[in-house]
Amino acid sequence: MKKTVAFSKNALNIFFHILTQCNLKCQHCYINREQHGEQTLPIETIKAWLEVFARKNKAANVIFLGGEPTMHPDLPAAVKTAKMIGYSSITVDTNGYLFHDILSKVAPDEIDYFSFSLDGATRKTNDMIRGEESYDKCIAGIRKAVQTGFSTSLIYTVSTLNIHELDKIPLLLKDLGVNRFFIQVIGLRGESNKTGQEKLQVSCSQWLKIIPDVAQKIAGLGITVSYPKVFLSSDEIFECAGIVAENYFIFPNKRVYRCPLCEDFPLHSMVLKNDMLIKTPKINEVDFFGLNIPEGCVMNKLIQPGNLRYNKNGEPEYKIACCLLKEEISP
């Protein structure tokens, strides 16, 4: 099976937002244009920044994102450049609209995965979250990609709005011929960080009751599944991907983050200047990575503490795991 983004210790991933523009307005979109900019990067800049990170380690997995990356007319050139440089794997995250006839402009041997976002097993639920007609467009995009010979994965961002449909996902994935399934936990950033949206987060009991079982069922169908544990028992060891892995989130305004939970704030640990990667002054996200607190993830405690619970002694009932370290079940 082809490689793609890896959510594990020692992983090296380059999450490259080549624009922030998108045709949809998803309720949980994490793009914050005040923090991430509104630029569409020219292909010359994309190529230069791919070279910058290749000099760090071209064995990385590169993931092209937006916004909607297929809206960028030069995405095929970006993919071919990453392939020429020798990145370990190349993935495009897409909402399924597949603009600019992208499937005819790249070949299955040039790109490892098209990763599609779907947030409901039914049209009603998905379109309520992502926008009218987005379900049909995404399903059609997946079928076309599979028929064209591309490997595909599907991303499902779990929230209180769609967790009830996860039991319908296994058969849908099998019918579509998807190779991998990624379960994501919703984070309160971007659109989901707006007033009242904290109710989107799933409780510990509901998550543990549903997610592991569904993951096992999907793996039983021959599909590789990745999902975050999210909730750790008090005796489990918390690990931060900022320490045990290398993940870089690049935005068009030249900011580079290591932790996605920091992206609503000017806490980026690096910046691109004159096509060079420069460390930013303290205090930034790196200063939080090594902090050891009973609640696990420091950034979770700071920006979305509503998913924590405490006993009568004021001690946390569980820890929150790093969202970038996931369980993987292979068929």
Protein backbone atom coordinates (compact mmCIF):
# COMPACT_ATOMS: atom_id res chain seq x y z
CA MET A 1 0.00 0.00 0.00
CA LYS A 2 1.20 3.52 -0.81
CA LYS A 3 2.38 5.86 1.94
CA THR A 4 0.57 8.96 3.11
CA VAL A 5 0.47 11.24 6.14
CA ALA A 6 1.54 9.37 9.29
CA PHE A 7 0.19 10.24 12.74
CA SER A 8 2.81 8.44 14.78
CA LYS A 9 6.00 8.89 16.74
CA ASN A 10 9.01 9.78 14.57
CA ALA A 11 6.71 10.80 11.69
CA LEU A 12 7.69 13.70 9.44
CA ASN A 13 4.82 15.51 7.73
CA ILE A 14 4.64 18.77 5.78
CA PHE A 15 1.09 20.17 5.79
CA PHE A 16 1.29 22.78 3.03
CA HIS A 17 -1.62 25.23 2.75
CA ILE A 18 -1.09 26.66 -0.72
CA LEU A 19 -4.13 28.95 -0.43
CA THR A 20 -6.91 29.67 2.06
CA GLN A 21 -9.70 30.14 -0.49
CA CYS A 22 -12.47 27.52 -0.53
CA ASN A 23 -15.81 27.03 -2.26
CA LEU A 24 -17.44 25.65 0.91
CA LYS A 25 -18.15 27.10 4.37
CA CYS A 26 -17.94 24.10 6.68
CA GLN A 27 -19.13 24.62 10.25
CA HIS A 28 -15.84 23.34 11.66
CA CYS A 29 -13.41 24.84 9.13
CA TYR A 30 -10.12 25.52 10.93
CA ILE A 31 -8.91 28.24 8.56
CA ASN A 32 -8.68 31.60 10.30
CA ARG A 33 -7.89 34.17 7.61
CA GLU A 34 -6.95 36.81 10.17
CA GLN A 35 -4.16 34.49 11.29
CA HIS A 36 -3.45 32.55 8.07
CA GLY A 37 -3.79 35.23 5.42
CA GLU A 38 -5.83 35.30 2.22
CA GLN A 39 -3.06 34.84 -0.30
CA THR A 40 -2.89 32.25 -3.04
CA LEU A 41 0.77 31.34 -3.28
CA PRO A 42 2.39 31.65 -6.72
CA ILE A 43 3.91 28.43 -8.03
CA GLU A 44 7.41 29.89 -7.77
CA THR A 45 6.93 30.32 -4.01
CA ILE A 46 5.43 26.83 -3.64
CA LYS A 47 8.43 25.32 -5.40
CA ALA A 48 10.88 27.34 -3.30
CA TRP A 49 9.22 26.34 -0.01
CA LEU A 50 9.12 22.68 -1.05
CA GLU A 51 12.87 22.94 -1.51
CA VAL A 52 13.25 24.57 1.91
CA PHE A 53 11.65 21.64 3.70
CA ALA A 54 13.34 19.09 1.48
CA ARG A 55 16.65 20.44 2.75
CA LYS A 56 15.48 19.58 6.26
CA ASN A 57 14.46 16.08 5.24
CA LYS A 58 13.01 15.13 1.86
CA ALA A 59 11.84 11.82 3.35
CA ALA A 60 8.81 13.73 4.65
CA ASN A 61 5.23 13.16 3.63
CA VAL A 62 3.85 16.29 1.97
CA ILE A 63 0.14 17.06 2.11
CA PHE A 64 -1.31 19.84 -0.06
CA LEU A 65 -4.21 21.64 1.60
CA GLY A 66 -6.18 24.85 1.46
CA GLY A 67 -8.79 26.06 1.68
CA GLU A 68 -9.46 23.76 -1.23
CA PRO A 69 -6.12 22.98 -2.90
CA THR A 70 -7.62 21.88 -6.22
CA MET A 71 -8.82 25.48 -6.68
CA HIS A 72 -5.16 26.40 -7.19
CA PRO A 73 -4.51 26.28 -10.96
CA ASP A 74 -0.88 25.27 -10.41
CA LEU A 75 -1.50 22.34 -8.07
CA PRO A 76 -0.38 19.83 -10.76
CA ALA A 77 2.95 21.66 -11.05
CA ALA A 78 3.32 21.61 -7.26
CA VAL A 79 2.68 17.85 -7.18
CA LYS A 80 5.20 17.22 -9.95
CA THR A 81 7.79 19.35 -8.17
CA ALA A 82 7.33 17.43 -4.91
CA LYS A 83 7.68 14.18 -6.85
CA MET A 84 10.84 15.38 -8.59
CA ILE A 85 12.37 16.50 -5.28
CA GLY A 86 11.78 13.05 -3.84
CA TYR A 87 9.28 13.50 -1.02
CA SER A 88 8.36 10.20 0.61
CA SER A 89 4.69 10.56 -0.25
CA ILE A 90 2.37 13.14 -1.80
CA THR A 91 -1.25 13.61 -0.72
CA VAL A 92 -3.93 16.10 -1.75
CA ASP A 93 -6.68 16.83 0.77
CA THR A 94 -9.86 17.78 -1.08
CA ASN A 95 -13.56 18.35 -0.56
CA GLY A 96 -14.24 16.31 -3.69
CA TYR A 97 -15.11 19.02 -6.19
CA LEU A 98 -11.74 18.40 -7.90
CA PHE A 99 -11.44 21.74 -9.66
CA HIS A 100 -9.33 22.42 -12.77
CA ASP A 101 -9.84 18.85 -13.98
CA ILE A 102 -7.07 17.81 -11.58
CA LEU A 103 -7.46 14.05 -12.17
CA SER A 104 -6.43 14.45 -15.80
CA LYS A 105 -3.40 16.58 -14.96
CA VAL A 106 -1.62 14.29 -12.51
CA ALA A 107 -1.00 10.56 -12.76
CA PRO A 108 -1.48 7.81 -10.16
CA ASP A 109 2.29 7.29 -10.08
CA GLU A 110 2.82 10.99 -9.28
CA ILE A 111 0.47 11.26 -6.32
CA ASP A 112 0.03 8.72 -3.55
CA TYR A 113 -3.41 9.68 -2.24
CA PHE A 114 -6.36 11.88 -2.88
CA SER A 115 -7.85 12.32 0.59
CA PHE A 116 -11.52 13.30 0.61
CA SER A 117 -13.42 15.02 3.43
CA LEU A 118 -16.91 13.74 4.18
CA ASP A 119 -18.68 14.52 7.45
CA GLY A 120 -21.80 12.43 7.26
CA ALA A 121 -22.77 8.98 6.04
CA THR A 122 -25.94 10.53 4.63
CA ARG A 123 -26.55 13.50 2.38
CA LYS A 124 -28.66 15.23 5.04
CA THR A 125 -26.00 15.22 7.75
CA ASN A 126 -23.00 15.96 5.56
CA ASP A 127 -24.67 18.83 3.72
CA MET A 128 -25.88 20.36 6.99
CA ILE A 129 -22.21 20.54 8.10
CA ARG A 130 -20.40 21.18 4.82
CA GLY A 131 -22.93 22.78 2.49
CA GLU A 132 -25.69 21.88 0.04
CA GLU A 133 -24.77 19.32 -2.65
CA SER A 134 -21.33 18.70 -1.11
CA TYR A 135 -22.20 15.06 -0.33
CA ASP A 136 -23.02 14.18 -3.94
CA LYS A 137 -19.97 16.05 -5.23
CA CYS A 138 -17.63 14.27 -2.82
CA ILE A 139 -19.06 10.81 -3.53
CA ALA A 140 -18.79 11.44 -7.28
CA GLY A 141 -15.22 12.70 -6.84
CA ILE A 142 -14.19 9.59 -4.92
CA ARG A 143 -15.72 7.26 -7.51
CA LYS A 144 -14.00 9.11 -10.34
CA ALA A 145 -10.63 9.05 -8.58
CA VAL A 146 -10.91 5.32 -7.89
CA GLN A 147 -11.97 4.60 -11.47
CA THR A 148 -9.01 6.63 -12.72
CA GLY A 149 -6.61 4.48 -10.72
CA PHE A 150 -5.78 6.75 -7.76
CA SER A 151 -5.48 5.54 -4.18
CA THR A 152 -8.03 7.29 -1.98
CA SER A 153 -8.65 7.96 1.68
CA LEU A 154 -11.56 9.53 3.48
CA ILE A 155 -11.45 11.93 6.43
CA TYR A 156 -14.37 12.11 8.86
CA THR A 157 -14.24 14.85 11.50
CA VAL A 158 -16.30 13.55 14.40
CA SER A 159 -18.58 15.94 16.27
CA THR A 160 -21.90 15.80 18.10
CA LEU A 161 -23.52 16.54 14.74
CA ASN A 162 -22.37 13.35 13.00
CA ILE A 163 -21.12 10.72 15.46
CA HIS A 164 -24.51 8.99 15.27
CA GLU A 165 -23.82 8.10 11.62
CA LEU A 166 -20.44 6.47 12.08
CA ASP A 167 -22.01 3.00 12.17
CA LYS A 168 -23.15 3.57 8.56
CA ILE A 169 -19.68 4.50 7.33
CA PRO A 170 -18.10 1.00 6.98
CA LEU A 171 -20.35 -0.18 4.18
CA LEU A 172 -20.13 3.20 2.42
CA LEU A 173 -16.31 2.99 2.45
CA LYS A 174 -16.42 -0.56 1.08
CA ASP A 175 -18.82 0.46 -1.67
CA LEU A 176 -16.63 3.40 -2.68
CA GLY A 177 -13.42 1.36 -2.77
CA VAL A 178 -11.57 3.66 -0.36
CA ASN A 179 -8.15 2.43 0.83
CA ARG A 180 -7.81 4.34 4.11
CA PHE A 181 -10.08 5.98 6.65
CA PHE A 182 -9.01 8.81 8.96
CA ILE A 183 -11.12 9.73 11.97
CA GLN A 184 -10.42 13.24 13.25
CA VAL A 185 -11.51 14.84 16.48
CA ILE A 186 -12.97 18.31 16.15
CA GLY A 187 -10.80 21.10 17.56
CA LEU A 188 -12.13 24.46 18.65
CA ARG A 189 -10.31 26.67 16.17
CA GLY A 190 -11.35 28.67 13.14
CA GLU A 191 -15.11 28.46 12.57
CA SER A 192 -15.70 25.94 15.35
CA ASN A 193 -14.23 28.39 17.88
CA LYS A 194 -17.11 30.80 17.47
CA THR A 195 -19.58 31.41 20.29
CA GLY A 196 -21.67 28.38 21.17
CA GLN A 197 -19.75 25.93 19.01
CA GLU A 198 -18.15 24.19 22.02
CA LYS A 199 -21.15 21.85 22.00
CA LEU A 200 -19.64 20.22 18.91
CA GLN A 201 -17.14 18.28 21.04
CA VAL A 202 -18.03 14.66 21.85
CA SER A 203 -17.94 13.45 25.46
CA CYS A 204 -15.36 10.98 26.73
CA SER A 205 -17.93 8.22 27.32
CA GLN A 206 -19.49 8.62 23.88
CA TRP A 207 -16.12 8.66 22.13
CA LEU A 208 -14.82 5.54 23.88
CA LYS A 209 -18.10 3.69 23.36
CA ILE A 210 -18.25 4.28 19.59
CA ILE A 211 -14.90 5.12 17.95
CA PRO A 212 -12.71 2.05 18.69
CA ASP A 213 -15.49 -0.38 17.73
CA VAL A 214 -16.22 1.35 14.44
CA ALA A 215 -12.49 1.46 13.64
CA GLN A 216 -12.23 -2.31 14.18
CA LYS A 217 -15.25 -2.96 11.93
CA ILE A 218 -13.77 -0.86 9.13
CA ALA A 219 -10.38 -2.57 9.40
CA GLY A 220 -12.25 -5.88 9.16
CA LEU A 221 -13.37 -4.80 5.69
CA GLY A 222 -9.76 -4.49 4.52
CA ILE A 223 -9.41 -0.74 5.04
CA THR A 224 -6.60 0.82 7.08
CA VAL A 225 -7.98 3.06 9.85
CA SER A 226 -6.34 5.83 11.87
CA TYR A 227 -8.07 7.44 14.83
CA PRO A 228 -7.02 9.56 17.82
CA LYS A 229 -7.45 8.08 21.29
CA VAL A 230 -8.26 11.60 22.56
CA PHE A 231 -8.96 10.43 26.11
CA LEU A 232 -6.16 8.77 28.09
CA SER A 233 -6.60 7.14 31.49
CA SER A 234 -4.80 8.87 34.33
CA ASP A 235 -2.06 6.21 34.35
CA GLU A 236 -1.34 6.35 30.61
CA ILE A 237 1.70 8.34 29.50
CA PHE A 238 1.00 11.53 27.57
CA GLU A 239 3.29 12.30 24.62
CA CYS A 240 3.38 15.50 22.56
CA ALA A 241 4.02 15.22 18.82
CA GLY A 242 5.93 18.47 19.09
CA ILE A 243 8.62 16.43 20.86
CA VAL A 244 8.34 12.90 19.44
CA ALA A 245 7.50 13.75 15.80
CA GLU A 246 8.06 16.48 13.22
CA ASN A 247 4.97 18.13 11.80
CA TYR A 248 5.04 21.47 9.99
CA PHE A 249 1.92 23.43 9.10
CA ILE A 250 2.77 26.03 6.45
CA PHE A 251 0.42 28.93 5.68
CA PRO A 252 0.44 31.43 2.79
CA ASN A 253 1.33 34.34 5.10
CA LYS A 254 4.68 32.58 5.79
CA ARG A 255 3.82 31.30 9.24
CA VAL A 256 4.91 27.77 10.13
CA TYR A 257 3.34 26.01 13.11
CA ARG A 258 4.22 22.71 14.77
CA CYS A 259 0.90 22.28 16.62
CA PRO A 260 -2.48 22.77 14.89
CA LEU A 261 -4.18 23.80 18.15
CA CYS A 262 -1.99 26.91 18.16
CA GLU A 263 -3.12 28.12 14.74
CA ASP A 264 -5.71 30.63 16.01
CA PHE A 265 -2.89 32.54 17.68
CA PRO A 266 0.40 34.17 16.63
CA LEU A 267 2.31 31.40 18.44
CA HIS A 268 3.99 29.98 15.34
CA SER A 269 7.50 28.77 16.10
CA MET A 270 8.88 29.45 12.63
CA VAL A 271 8.48 31.82 9.73
CA LEU A 272 9.62 31.73 6.11
CA LYS A 273 11.76 34.73 5.17
CA ASN A 274 13.58 35.01 1.85
CA ASP A 275 12.87 31.33 1.31
CA MET A 276 14.61 30.44 4.56
CA LEU A 277 13.06 28.84 7.64
CA ILE A 278 13.65 31.12 10.64
CA LYS A 279 12.81 30.44 14.29
CA THR A 280 10.58 33.04 15.94
CA PRO A 281 11.37 34.69 19.30
CA LYS A 282 9.93 33.38 22.54
CA ILE A 283 7.23 32.89 23.69
CA ASN A 284 5.90 30.52 21.03
CA GLU A 285 4.28 27.09 20.78
CA VAL A 286 7.54 25.20 21.38
CA ASP A 287 7.66 26.58 24.92
CA PHE A 288 4.47 24.65 25.71
CA PHE A 289 5.48 21.26 24.31
CA GLY A 290 7.60 20.15 27.25
CA LEU A 291 5.22 21.25 30.01
CA ASN A 292 3.92 18.39 32.11
CA ILE A 293 0.40 18.81 33.49
CA PRO A 294 -2.09 16.24 34.86
CA GLU A 295 -4.53 17.07 32.03
CA GLY A 296 -2.11 15.93 29.28
CA CYS A 297 -2.17 18.34 26.33
CA VAL A 298 -1.32 21.86 27.49
CA MET A 299 -2.90 23.59 24.50
CA ASN A 300 -6.13 21.68 25.04
CA LYS A 301 -6.20 22.88 28.64
CA LEU A 302 -5.64 26.46 27.50
CA ILE A 303 -8.02 26.80 24.55
CA GLN A 304 -10.68 24.08 24.84
CA PRO A 305 -10.92 22.99 28.50
CA GLY A 306 -14.60 22.17 28.11
CA ASN A 307 -13.76 18.56 27.20
CA LEU A 308 -12.01 18.00 30.56
CA ARG A 309 -13.68 16.60 33.67
CA TYR A 310 -12.50 16.75 37.28
CA ASN A 311 -13.33 14.69 40.36
CA LYS A 312 -14.40 16.14 43.72
CA ASN A 313 -10.74 16.55 44.69
CA GLY A 314 -10.08 18.74 41.66
CA GLU A 315 -8.05 16.07 39.87
CA PRO A 316 -8.66 15.39 36.17
CA GLU A 317 -10.60 12.18 35.50
CA TYR A 318 -8.52 11.58 32.35
CA LYS A 319 -5.85 13.14 30.16
CA ILE A 320 -6.31 14.57 26.67
CA ALA A 321 -3.98 12.94 24.14
CA CYS A 322 -2.07 14.75 21.41
CA CYS A 323 -4.29 15.04 18.33
CA LEU A 324 -1.32 14.30 16.04
CA LEU A 325 -0.62 10.87 17.52
CA LYS A 326 -3.19 8.29 16.45
CA GLU A 327 -3.91 4.60 16.65
CA GLU A 328 -3.64 2.75 13.33
CA ILE A 329 -5.37 -0.52 12.55
CA SER A 330 -4.27 -2.35 9.43
CA PRO A 331 -6.44 -5.02 7.80
